[in-house]
PDB file of all heavy atoms in Angstrom:
ATOM      1  N   THR A   1      -9.316  53.711  -4.495  1.00  0.00           N
ATOM      2  CA  THR A   1     -10.416  53.906  -5.436  1.00  0.00           C
ATOM      3  C   THR A   1      -9.828  53.872  -6.840  1.00  0.00           C
ATOM      4  O   THR A   1      -8.776  54.478  -7.084  1.00  0.00           O
ATOM      5  CB  THR A   1     -11.101  55.267  -5.216  1.00  0.00           C
ATOM      6  OG1 THR A   1     -11.678  55.285  -3.907  1.00  0.00           O
ATOM      7  CG2 THR A   1     -12.188  55.505  -6.254  1.00  0.00           C
ATOM      8  N   VAL A   2     -10.465  53.159  -7.744  1.00  0.00           N
ATOM      9  CA  VAL A   2     -10.062  53.159  -9.146  1.00  0.00           C
ATOM     10  C   VAL A   2     -11.042  54.072  -9.875  1.00  0.00           C
ATOM     11  O   VAL A   2     -12.259  53.832  -9.852  1.00  0.00           O
ATOM     12  CB  VAL A   2     -10.068  51.745  -9.750  1.00  0.00           C
ATOM     13  CG1 VAL A   2      -9.645  51.795 -11.219  1.00  0.00           C
ATOM     14  CG2 VAL A   2      -9.140  50.820  -8.958  1.00  0.00           C
ATOM     15  N   LEU A   3     -10.538  55.139 -10.478  1.00  0.00           N
ATOM     16  CA  LEU A   3     -11.395  56.148 -11.096  1.00  0.00           C
ATOM     17  C   LEU A   3     -12.093  55.617 -12.346  1.00  0.00           C
ATOM     18  O   LEU A   3     -11.503  54.887 -13.135  1.00  0.00           O
ATOM     19  CB  LEU A   3     -10.575  57.383 -11.465  1.00  0.00           C
ATOM     20  CG  LEU A   3      -9.862  58.108 -10.320  1.00  0.00           C
ATOM     21  CD1 LEU A   3      -9.103  59.318 -10.868  1.00  0.00           C
ATOM     22  CD2 LEU A   3     -10.849  58.542  -9.235  1.00  0.00           C
ATOM     23  N   SER A   4     -13.331  56.027 -12.513  1.00  0.00           N
ATOM     24  CA  SER A   4     -14.083  55.724 -13.729  1.00  0.00           C
ATOM     25  C   SER A   4     -13.992  56.884 -14.706  1.00  0.00           C
ATOM     26  O   SER A   4     -13.821  58.048 -14.296  1.00  0.00           O
ATOM     27  CB  SER A   4     -15.555  55.457 -13.400  1.00  0.00           C
ATOM     28  OG  SER A   4     -15.744  54.147 -12.917  1.00  0.00           O
ATOM     29  N   LEU A   5     -14.109  56.582 -15.987  1.00  0.00           N
ATOM     30  CA  LEU A   5     -14.137  57.590 -17.031  1.00  0.00           C
ATOM     31  C   LEU A   5     -15.572  57.804 -17.490  1.00  0.00           C
ATOM     32  O   LEU A   5     -16.365  56.850 -17.518  1.00  0.00           O
ATOM     33  CB  LEU A   5     -13.287  57.178 -18.228  1.00  0.00           C
ATOM     34  CG  LEU A   5     -11.765  57.343 -18.117  1.00  0.00           C
ATOM     35  CD1 LEU A   5     -11.170  56.285 -17.201  1.00  0.00           C
ATOM     36  CD2 LEU A   5     -11.123  57.250 -19.507  1.00  0.00           C
ATOM     37  N   SER A   6     -15.889  59.018 -17.854  1.00  0.00           N
ATOM     38  CA  SER A   6     -17.204  59.295 -18.431  1.00  0.00           C
ATOM     39  C   SER A   6     -17.208  58.842 -19.888  1.00  0.00           C
ATOM     40  O   SER A   6     -16.159  58.598 -20.487  1.00  0.00           O
ATOM     41  CB  SER A   6     -17.505  60.794 -18.365  1.00  0.00           C
ATOM     42  OG  SER A   6     -16.638  61.506 -19.244  1.00  0.00           O
ATOM     43  N   ASP A   7     -18.390  58.738 -20.462  1.00  0.00           N
ATOM     44  CA  ASP A   7     -18.489  58.346 -21.872  1.00  0.00           C
ATOM     45  C   ASP A   7     -17.763  59.340 -22.768  1.00  0.00           C
ATOM     46  O   ASP A   7     -17.131  58.960 -23.764  1.00  0.00           O
ATOM     47  CB  ASP A   7     -19.958  58.221 -22.288  1.00  0.00           C
ATOM     48  CG  ASP A   7     -20.641  57.011 -21.665  1.00  0.00           C
ATOM     49  OD1 ASP A   7     -19.911  56.102 -21.194  1.00  0.00           O
ATOM     50  OD2 ASP A   7     -21.887  56.968 -21.640  1.00  0.00           O
ATOM     51  N   ASP A   8     -17.847  60.631 -22.428  1.00  0.00           N
ATOM     52  CA  ASP A   8     -17.153  61.655 -23.221  1.00  0.00           C
ATOM     53  C   ASP A   8     -15.641  61.489 -23.131  1.00  0.00           C
ATOM     54  O   ASP A   8     -14.924  61.637 -24.128  1.00  0.00           O
ATOM     55  CB  ASP A   8     -17.546  63.058 -22.752  1.00  0.00           C
ATOM     56  CG  ASP A   8     -18.973  63.429 -23.153  1.00  0.00           C
ATOM     57  OD1 ASP A   8     -19.528  62.761 -24.055  1.00  0.00           O
ATOM     58  OD2 ASP A   8     -19.517  64.387 -22.570  1.00  0.00           O
ATOM     59  N   GLN A   9     -15.150  61.174 -21.943  1.00  0.00           N
ATOM     60  CA  GLN A   9     -13.710  60.966 -21.779  1.00  0.00           C
ATOM     61  C   GLN A   9     -13.243  59.739 -22.557  1.00  0.00           C
ATOM     62  O   GLN A   9     -12.184  59.761 -23.191  1.00  0.00           O
ATOM     63  CB  GLN A   9     -13.371  60.823 -20.289  1.00  0.00           C
ATOM     64  CG  GLN A   9     -13.457  62.137 -19.518  1.00  0.00           C
ATOM     65  CD  GLN A   9     -13.286  61.943 -18.021  1.00  0.00           C
ATOM     66  OE1 GLN A   9     -13.671  60.916 -17.461  1.00  0.00           O
ATOM     67  NE2 GLN A   9     -12.704  62.942 -17.365  1.00  0.00           N
ATOM     68  N   ILE A  10     -14.027  58.688 -22.520  1.00  0.00           N
ATOM     69  CA  ILE A  10     -13.680  57.480 -23.273  1.00  0.00           C
ATOM     70  C   ILE A  10     -13.618  57.786 -24.763  1.00  0.00           C
ATOM     71  O   ILE A  10     -12.701  57.354 -25.470  1.00  0.00           O
ATOM     72  CB  ILE A  10     -14.684  56.344 -22.982  1.00  0.00           C
ATOM     73  CG1 ILE A  10     -14.515  55.859 -21.533  1.00  0.00           C
ATOM     74  CG2 ILE A  10     -14.494  55.178 -23.958  1.00  0.00           C
ATOM     75  CD1 ILE A  10     -15.577  54.897 -21.070  1.00  0.00           C
ATOM     76  N   ALA A  11     -14.568  58.563 -25.230  1.00  0.00           N
ATOM     77  CA  ALA A  11     -14.585  58.940 -26.649  1.00  0.00           C
ATOM     78  C   ALA A  11     -13.322  59.730 -27.008  1.00  0.00           C
ATOM     79  O   ALA A  11     -12.750  59.552 -28.092  1.00  0.00           O
ATOM     80  CB  ALA A  11     -15.824  59.755 -26.963  1.00  0.00           C
ATOM     81  N   GLU A  12     -12.868  60.592 -26.097  1.00  0.00           N
ATOM     82  CA  GLU A  12     -11.658  61.378 -26.344  1.00  0.00           C
ATOM     83  C   GLU A  12     -10.428  60.484 -26.474  1.00  0.00           C
ATOM     84  O   GLU A  12      -9.530  60.762 -27.269  1.00  0.00           O
ATOM     85  CB  GLU A  12     -11.438  62.372 -25.210  1.00  0.00           C
ATOM     86  CG  GLU A  12     -12.324  63.601 -25.228  1.00  0.00           C
ATOM     87  CD  GLU A  12     -11.912  64.587 -24.147  1.00  0.00           C
ATOM     88  OE1 GLU A  12     -10.920  65.316 -24.357  1.00  0.00           O
ATOM     89  OE2 GLU A  12     -12.569  64.611 -23.086  1.00  0.00           O
ATOM     90  N   THR A  13     -10.374  59.420 -25.699  1.00  0.00           N
ATOM     91  CA  THR A  13      -9.193  58.547 -25.720  1.00  0.00           C
ATOM     92  C   THR A  13      -9.129  57.694 -26.981  1.00  0.00           C
ATOM     93  O   THR A  13      -8.065  57.184 -27.340  1.00  0.00           O
ATOM     94  CB  THR A  13      -9.189  57.593 -24.509  1.00  0.00           C
ATOM     95  OG1 THR A  13     -10.255  56.635 -24.634  1.00  0.00           O
ATOM     96  CG2 THR A  13      -9.323  58.355 -23.203  1.00  0.00           C
ATOM     97  N   LYS A  14     -10.279  57.483 -27.633  1.00  0.00           N
ATOM     98  CA  LYS A  14     -10.372  56.626 -28.827  1.00  0.00           C
ATOM     99  C   LYS A  14      -9.992  55.177 -28.513  1.00  0.00           C
ATOM    100  O   LYS A  14      -9.536  54.434 -29.388  1.00  0.00           O
ATOM    101  CB  LYS A  14      -9.518  57.174 -29.971  1.00  0.00           C
ATOM    102  CG  LYS A  14     -10.005  58.525 -30.503  1.00  0.00           C
ATOM    103  CD  LYS A  14      -9.145  59.004 -31.666  1.00  0.00           C
ATOM    104  CE  LYS A  14      -9.739  60.233 -32.350  1.00  0.00           C
ATOM    105  NZ  LYS A  14      -9.939  61.376 -31.460  1.00  0.00           N
ATOM    106  N   ARG A  15     -10.182  54.787 -27.268  1.00  0.00           N
ATOM    107  CA  ARG A  15      -9.935  53.406 -26.860  1.00  0.00           C
ATOM    108  C   ARG A  15     -11.255  52.674 -26.649  1.00  0.00           C
ATOM    109  O   ARG A  15     -12.341  53.265 -26.708  1.00  0.00           O
ATOM    110  CB  ARG A  15      -9.102  53.371 -25.577  1.00  0.00           C
ATOM    111  CG  ARG A  15      -7.677  53.886 -25.727  1.00  0.00           C
ATOM    112  CD  ARG A  15      -6.875  53.051 -26.692  1.00  0.00           C
ATOM    113  NE  ARG A  15      -5.477  53.465 -26.739  1.00  0.00           N
ATOM    114  CZ  ARG A  15      -4.607  53.068 -27.659  1.00  0.00           C
ATOM    115  NH1 ARG A  15      -5.004  52.254 -28.627  1.00  0.00           N
ATOM    116  NH2 ARG A  15      -3.352  53.492 -27.637  1.00  0.00           N
ATOM    117  N   THR A  16     -11.155  51.386 -26.374  1.00  0.00           N
ATOM    118  CA  THR A  16     -12.339  50.542 -26.204  1.00  0.00           C
ATOM    119  C   THR A  16     -12.852  50.622 -24.770  1.00  0.00           C
ATOM    120  O   THR A  16     -12.079  50.505 -23.816  1.00  0.00           O
ATOM    121  CB  THR A  16     -11.990  49.080 -26.550  1.00  0.00           C
ATOM    122  OG1 THR A  16     -11.509  49.027 -27.898  1.00  0.00           O
ATOM    123  CG2 THR A  16     -13.209  48.177 -26.416  1.00  0.00           C
ATOM    124  N   ARG A  17     -14.151  50.831 -24.623  1.00  0.00           N
ATOM    125  CA  ARG A  17     -14.779  50.888 -23.296  1.00  0.00           C
ATOM    126  C   ARG A  17     -14.759  49.499 -22.653  1.00  0.00           C
ATOM    127  O   ARG A  17     -15.008  48.491 -23.315  1.00  0.00           O
ATOM    128  CB  ARG A  17     -16.225  51.365 -23.435  1.00  0.00           C
ATOM    129  CG  ARG A  17     -16.979  51.582 -22.128  1.00  0.00           C
ATOM    130  CD  ARG A  17     -18.387  52.075 -22.438  1.00  0.00           C
ATOM    131  NE  ARG A  17     -19.124  52.487 -21.258  1.00  0.00           N
ATOM    132  CZ  ARG A  17     -19.878  51.666 -20.520  1.00  0.00           C
ATOM    133  NH1 ARG A  17     -19.989  50.390 -20.850  1.00  0.00           N
ATOM    134  NH2 ARG A  17     -20.539  52.116 -19.457  1.00  0.00           N
ATOM    135  N   LEU A  18     -14.475  49.469 -21.359  1.00  0.00           N
ATOM    136  CA  LEU A  18     -14.467  48.196 -20.630  1.00  0.00           C
ATOM    137  C   LEU A  18     -14.982  48.442 -19.221  1.00  0.00           C
ATOM    138  O   LEU A  18     -14.667  49.469 -18.612  1.00  0.00           O
ATOM    139  CB  LEU A  18     -13.048  47.606 -20.594  1.00  0.00           C
ATOM    140  CG  LEU A  18     -12.894  46.223 -19.944  1.00  0.00           C
ATOM    141  CD1 LEU A  18     -11.845  45.397 -20.698  1.00  0.00           C
ATOM    142  CD2 LEU A  18     -12.484  46.354 -18.471  1.00  0.00           C
ATOM    143  N   VAL A  19     -15.754  47.514 -18.706  1.00  0.00           N
ATOM    144  CA  VAL A  19     -16.309  47.619 -17.358  1.00  0.00           C
ATOM    145  C   VAL A  19     -15.663  46.565 -16.457  1.00  0.00           C
ATOM    146  O   VAL A  19     -15.698  45.366 -16.766  1.00  0.00           O
ATOM    147  CB  VAL A  19     -17.839  47.444 -17.365  1.00  0.00           C
ATOM    148  CG1 VAL A  19     -18.382  47.459 -15.927  1.00  0.00           C
ATOM    149  CG2 VAL A  19     -18.503  48.536 -18.195  1.00  0.00           C
ATOM    150  N   ILE A  20     -15.078  47.027 -15.355  1.00  0.00           N
ATOM    151  CA  ILE A  20     -14.553  46.121 -14.330  1.00  0.00           C
ATOM    152  C   ILE A  20     -15.672  45.938 -13.305  1.00  0.00           C
ATOM    153  O   ILE A  20     -16.064  46.900 -12.633  1.00  0.00           O
ATOM    154  CB  ILE A  20     -13.301  46.709 -13.658  1.00  0.00           C
ATOM    155  CG1 ILE A  20     -12.198  46.963 -14.700  1.00  0.00           C
ATOM    156  CG2 ILE A  20     -12.793  45.773 -12.562  1.00  0.00           C
ATOM    157  CD1 ILE A  20     -10.962  47.660 -14.143  1.00  0.00           C
ATOM    158  N   PRO A  21     -16.216  44.743 -13.185  1.00  0.00           N
ATOM    159  CA  PRO A  21     -17.397  44.542 -12.330  1.00  0.00           C
ATOM    160  C   PRO A  21     -17.146  44.874 -10.864  1.00  0.00           C
ATOM    161  O   PRO A  21     -16.025  44.721 -10.357  1.00  0.00           O
ATOM    162  CB  PRO A  21     -17.702  43.050 -12.501  1.00  0.00           C
ATOM    163  CG  PRO A  21     -17.025  42.651 -13.768  1.00  0.00           C
ATOM    164  CD  PRO A  21     -15.796  43.502 -13.859  1.00  0.00           C
ATOM    165  N   ALA A  22     -18.190  45.325 -10.194  1.00  0.00           N
ATOM    166  CA  ALA A  22     -18.132  45.577  -8.751  1.00  0.00           C
ATOM    167  C   ALA A  22     -17.643  44.323  -8.036  1.00  0.00           C
ATOM    168  O   ALA A  22     -17.984  43.207  -8.420  1.00  0.00           O
ATOM    169  CB  ALA A  22     -19.505  45.986  -8.240  1.00  0.00           C
ATOM    170  N   GLY A  23     -16.843  44.527  -7.003  1.00  0.00           N
ATOM    171  CA  GLY A  23     -16.345  43.392  -6.238  1.00  0.00           C
ATOM    172  C   GLY A  23     -15.058  42.787  -6.760  1.00  0.00           C
ATOM    173  O   GLY A  23     -14.509  41.857  -6.160  1.00  0.00           O
ATOM    174  N   THR A  24     -14.549  43.311  -7.879  1.00  0.00           N
ATOM    175  CA  THR A  24     -13.293  42.788  -8.421  1.00  0.00           C
ATOM    176  C   THR A  24     -12.146  43.056  -7.454  1.00  0.00           C
ATOM    177  O   THR A  24     -11.266  42.217  -7.253  1.00  0.00           O
ATOM    178  CB  THR A  24     -12.984  43.417  -9.794  1.00  0.00           C
ATOM    179  OG1 THR A  24     -14.033  43.068 -10.715  1.00  0.00           O
ATOM    180  CG2 THR A  24     -11.659  42.928 -10.351  1.00  0.00           C
ATOM    181  N   TYR A  25     -12.153  44.251  -6.860  1.00  0.00           N
ATOM    182  CA  TYR A  25     -11.112  44.629  -5.898  1.00  0.00           C
ATOM    183  C   TYR A  25     -11.738  44.870  -4.522  1.00  0.00           C
ATOM    184  O   TYR A  25     -12.921  45.224  -4.416  1.00  0.00           O
ATOM    185  CB  TYR A  25     -10.388  45.896  -6.367  1.00  0.00           C
ATOM    186  CG  TYR A  25      -9.694  45.732  -7.696  1.00  0.00           C
ATOM    187  CD1 TYR A  25     -10.133  46.421  -8.835  1.00  0.00           C
ATOM    188  CD2 TYR A  25      -8.610  44.874  -7.829  1.00  0.00           C
ATOM    189  CE1 TYR A  25      -9.494  46.265 -10.059  1.00  0.00           C
ATOM    190  CE2 TYR A  25      -7.971  44.710  -9.051  1.00  0.00           C
ATOM    191  CZ  TYR A  25      -8.415  45.396 -10.160  1.00  0.00           C
ATOM    192  OH  TYR A  25      -7.786  45.228 -11.372  1.00  0.00           O
ATOM    193  N   ALA A  26     -10.952  44.681  -3.483  1.00  0.00           N
ATOM    194  CA  ALA A  26     -11.425  44.890  -2.113  1.00  0.00           C
ATOM    195  C   ALA A  26     -11.978  46.302  -1.961  1.00  0.00           C
ATOM    196  O   ALA A  26     -11.345  47.278  -2.369  1.00  0.00           O
ATOM    197  CB  ALA A  26     -10.284  44.668  -1.124  1.00  0.00           C
ATOM    198  N   GLY A  27     -13.191  46.393  -1.406  1.00  0.00           N
ATOM    199  CA  GLY A  27     -13.811  47.689  -1.165  1.00  0.00           C
ATOM    200  C   GLY A  27     -14.481  48.313  -2.379  1.00  0.00           C
ATOM    201  O   GLY A  27     -15.043  49.403  -2.280  1.00  0.00           O
ATOM    202  N   GLN A  28     -14.438  47.633  -3.513  1.00  0.00           N
ATOM    203  CA  GLN A  28     -15.047  48.181  -4.738  1.00  0.00           C
ATOM    204  C   GLN A  28     -16.529  47.819  -4.785  1.00  0.00           C
ATOM    205  O   GLN A  28     -16.895  46.689  -5.090  1.00  0.00           O
ATOM    206  CB  GLN A  28     -14.339  47.624  -5.976  1.00  0.00           C
ATOM    207  CG  GLN A  28     -14.913  48.153  -7.286  1.00  0.00           C
ATOM    208  CD  GLN A  28     -14.558  47.280  -8.475  1.00  0.00           C
ATOM    209  OE1 GLN A  28     -13.619  46.479  -8.433  1.00  0.00           O
ATOM    210  NE2 GLN A  28     -15.330  47.398  -9.547  1.00  0.00           N
ATOM    211  N   GLU A  29     -17.379  48.792  -4.510  1.00  0.00           N
ATOM    212  CA  GLU A  29     -18.814  48.524  -4.416  1.00  0.00           C
ATOM    213  C   GLU A  29     -19.566  48.772  -5.724  1.00  0.00           C
ATOM    214  O   GLU A  29     -20.711  48.342  -5.868  1.00  0.00           O
ATOM    215  CB  GLU A  29     -19.419  49.383  -3.311  1.00  0.00           C
ATOM    216  CG  GLU A  29     -18.846  49.059  -1.920  1.00  0.00           C
ATOM    217  CD  GLU A  29     -19.456  49.925  -0.837  1.00  0.00           C
ATOM    218  OE1 GLU A  29     -20.254  50.836  -1.167  1.00  0.00           O
ATOM    219  OE2 GLU A  29     -19.123  49.693   0.344  1.00  0.00           O
ATOM    220  N   ALA A  30     -18.939  49.467  -6.663  1.00  0.00           N
ATOM    221  CA  ALA A  30     -19.611  49.781  -7.932  1.00  0.00           C
ATOM    222  C   ALA A  30     -18.728  49.378  -9.105  1.00  0.00           C
ATOM    223  O   ALA A  30     -17.511  49.190  -8.959  1.00  0.00           O
ATOM    224  CB  ALA A  30     -19.928  51.275  -8.016  1.00  0.00           C
ATOM    225  N   ASP A  31     -19.348  49.238 -10.281  1.00  0.00           N
ATOM    226  CA  ASP A  31     -18.584  48.956 -11.492  1.00  0.00           C
ATOM    227  C   ASP A  31     -17.617  50.104 -11.777  1.00  0.00           C
ATOM    228  O   ASP A  31     -17.902  51.270 -11.469  1.00  0.00           O
ATOM    229  CB  ASP A  31     -19.514  48.806 -12.701  1.00  0.00           C
ATOM    230  CG  ASP A  31     -20.359  47.541 -12.648  1.00  0.00           C
ATOM    231  OD1 ASP A  31     -20.069  46.668 -11.807  1.00  0.00           O
ATOM    232  OD2 ASP A  31     -21.295  47.429 -13.460  1.00  0.00           O
ATOM    233  N   ILE A  32     -16.484  49.771 -12.354  1.00  0.00           N
ATOM    234  CA  ILE A  32     -15.517  50.770 -12.812  1.00  0.00           C
ATOM    235  C   ILE A  32     -15.582  50.810 -14.335  1.00  0.00           C
ATOM    236  O   ILE A  32     -15.437  49.774 -14.997  1.00  0.00           O
ATOM    237  CB  ILE A  32     -14.085  50.410 -12.372  1.00  0.00           C
ATOM    238  CG1 ILE A  32     -13.977  50.361 -10.851  1.00  0.00           C
ATOM    239  CG2 ILE A  32     -13.075  51.398 -12.955  1.00  0.00           C
ATOM    240  CD1 ILE A  32     -12.754  49.620 -10.345  1.00  0.00           C
ATOM    241  N   VAL A  33     -15.819  51.988 -14.880  1.00  0.00           N
ATOM    242  CA  VAL A  33     -15.850  52.147 -16.332  1.00  0.00           C
ATOM    243  C   VAL A  33     -14.515  52.735 -16.760  1.00  0.00           C
ATOM    244  O   VAL A  33     -14.128  53.821 -16.321  1.00  0.00           O
ATOM    245  CB  VAL A  33     -17.006  53.070 -16.779  1.00  0.00           C
ATOM    246  CG1 VAL A  33     -17.008  53.215 -18.298  1.00  0.00           C
ATOM    247  CG2 VAL A  33     -18.340  52.523 -16.284  1.00  0.00           C
ATOM    248  N   THR A  34     -13.796  52.013 -17.600  1.00  0.00           N
ATOM    249  CA  THR A  34     -12.471  52.454 -17.993  1.00  0.00           C
ATOM    250  C   THR A  34     -12.233  52.121 -19.465  1.00  0.00           C
ATOM    251  O   THR A  34     -13.169  51.803 -20.196  1.00  0.00           O
ATOM    252  CB  THR A  34     -11.394  51.839 -17.078  1.00  0.00           C
ATOM    253  OG1 THR A  34     -10.114  52.403 -17.393  1.00  0.00           O
ATOM    254  CG2 THR A  34     -11.340  50.335 -17.197  1.00  0.00           C
TER     255      THR A  34
END
């Protein structure tokens, strides 16, 4: 499982939000927000 970050966590990192689409990796059924 690749963990997703919440919007608040992303804001804390001061980095750019990016979405890895569902299906990018085997068994990944939902988008990953990182």
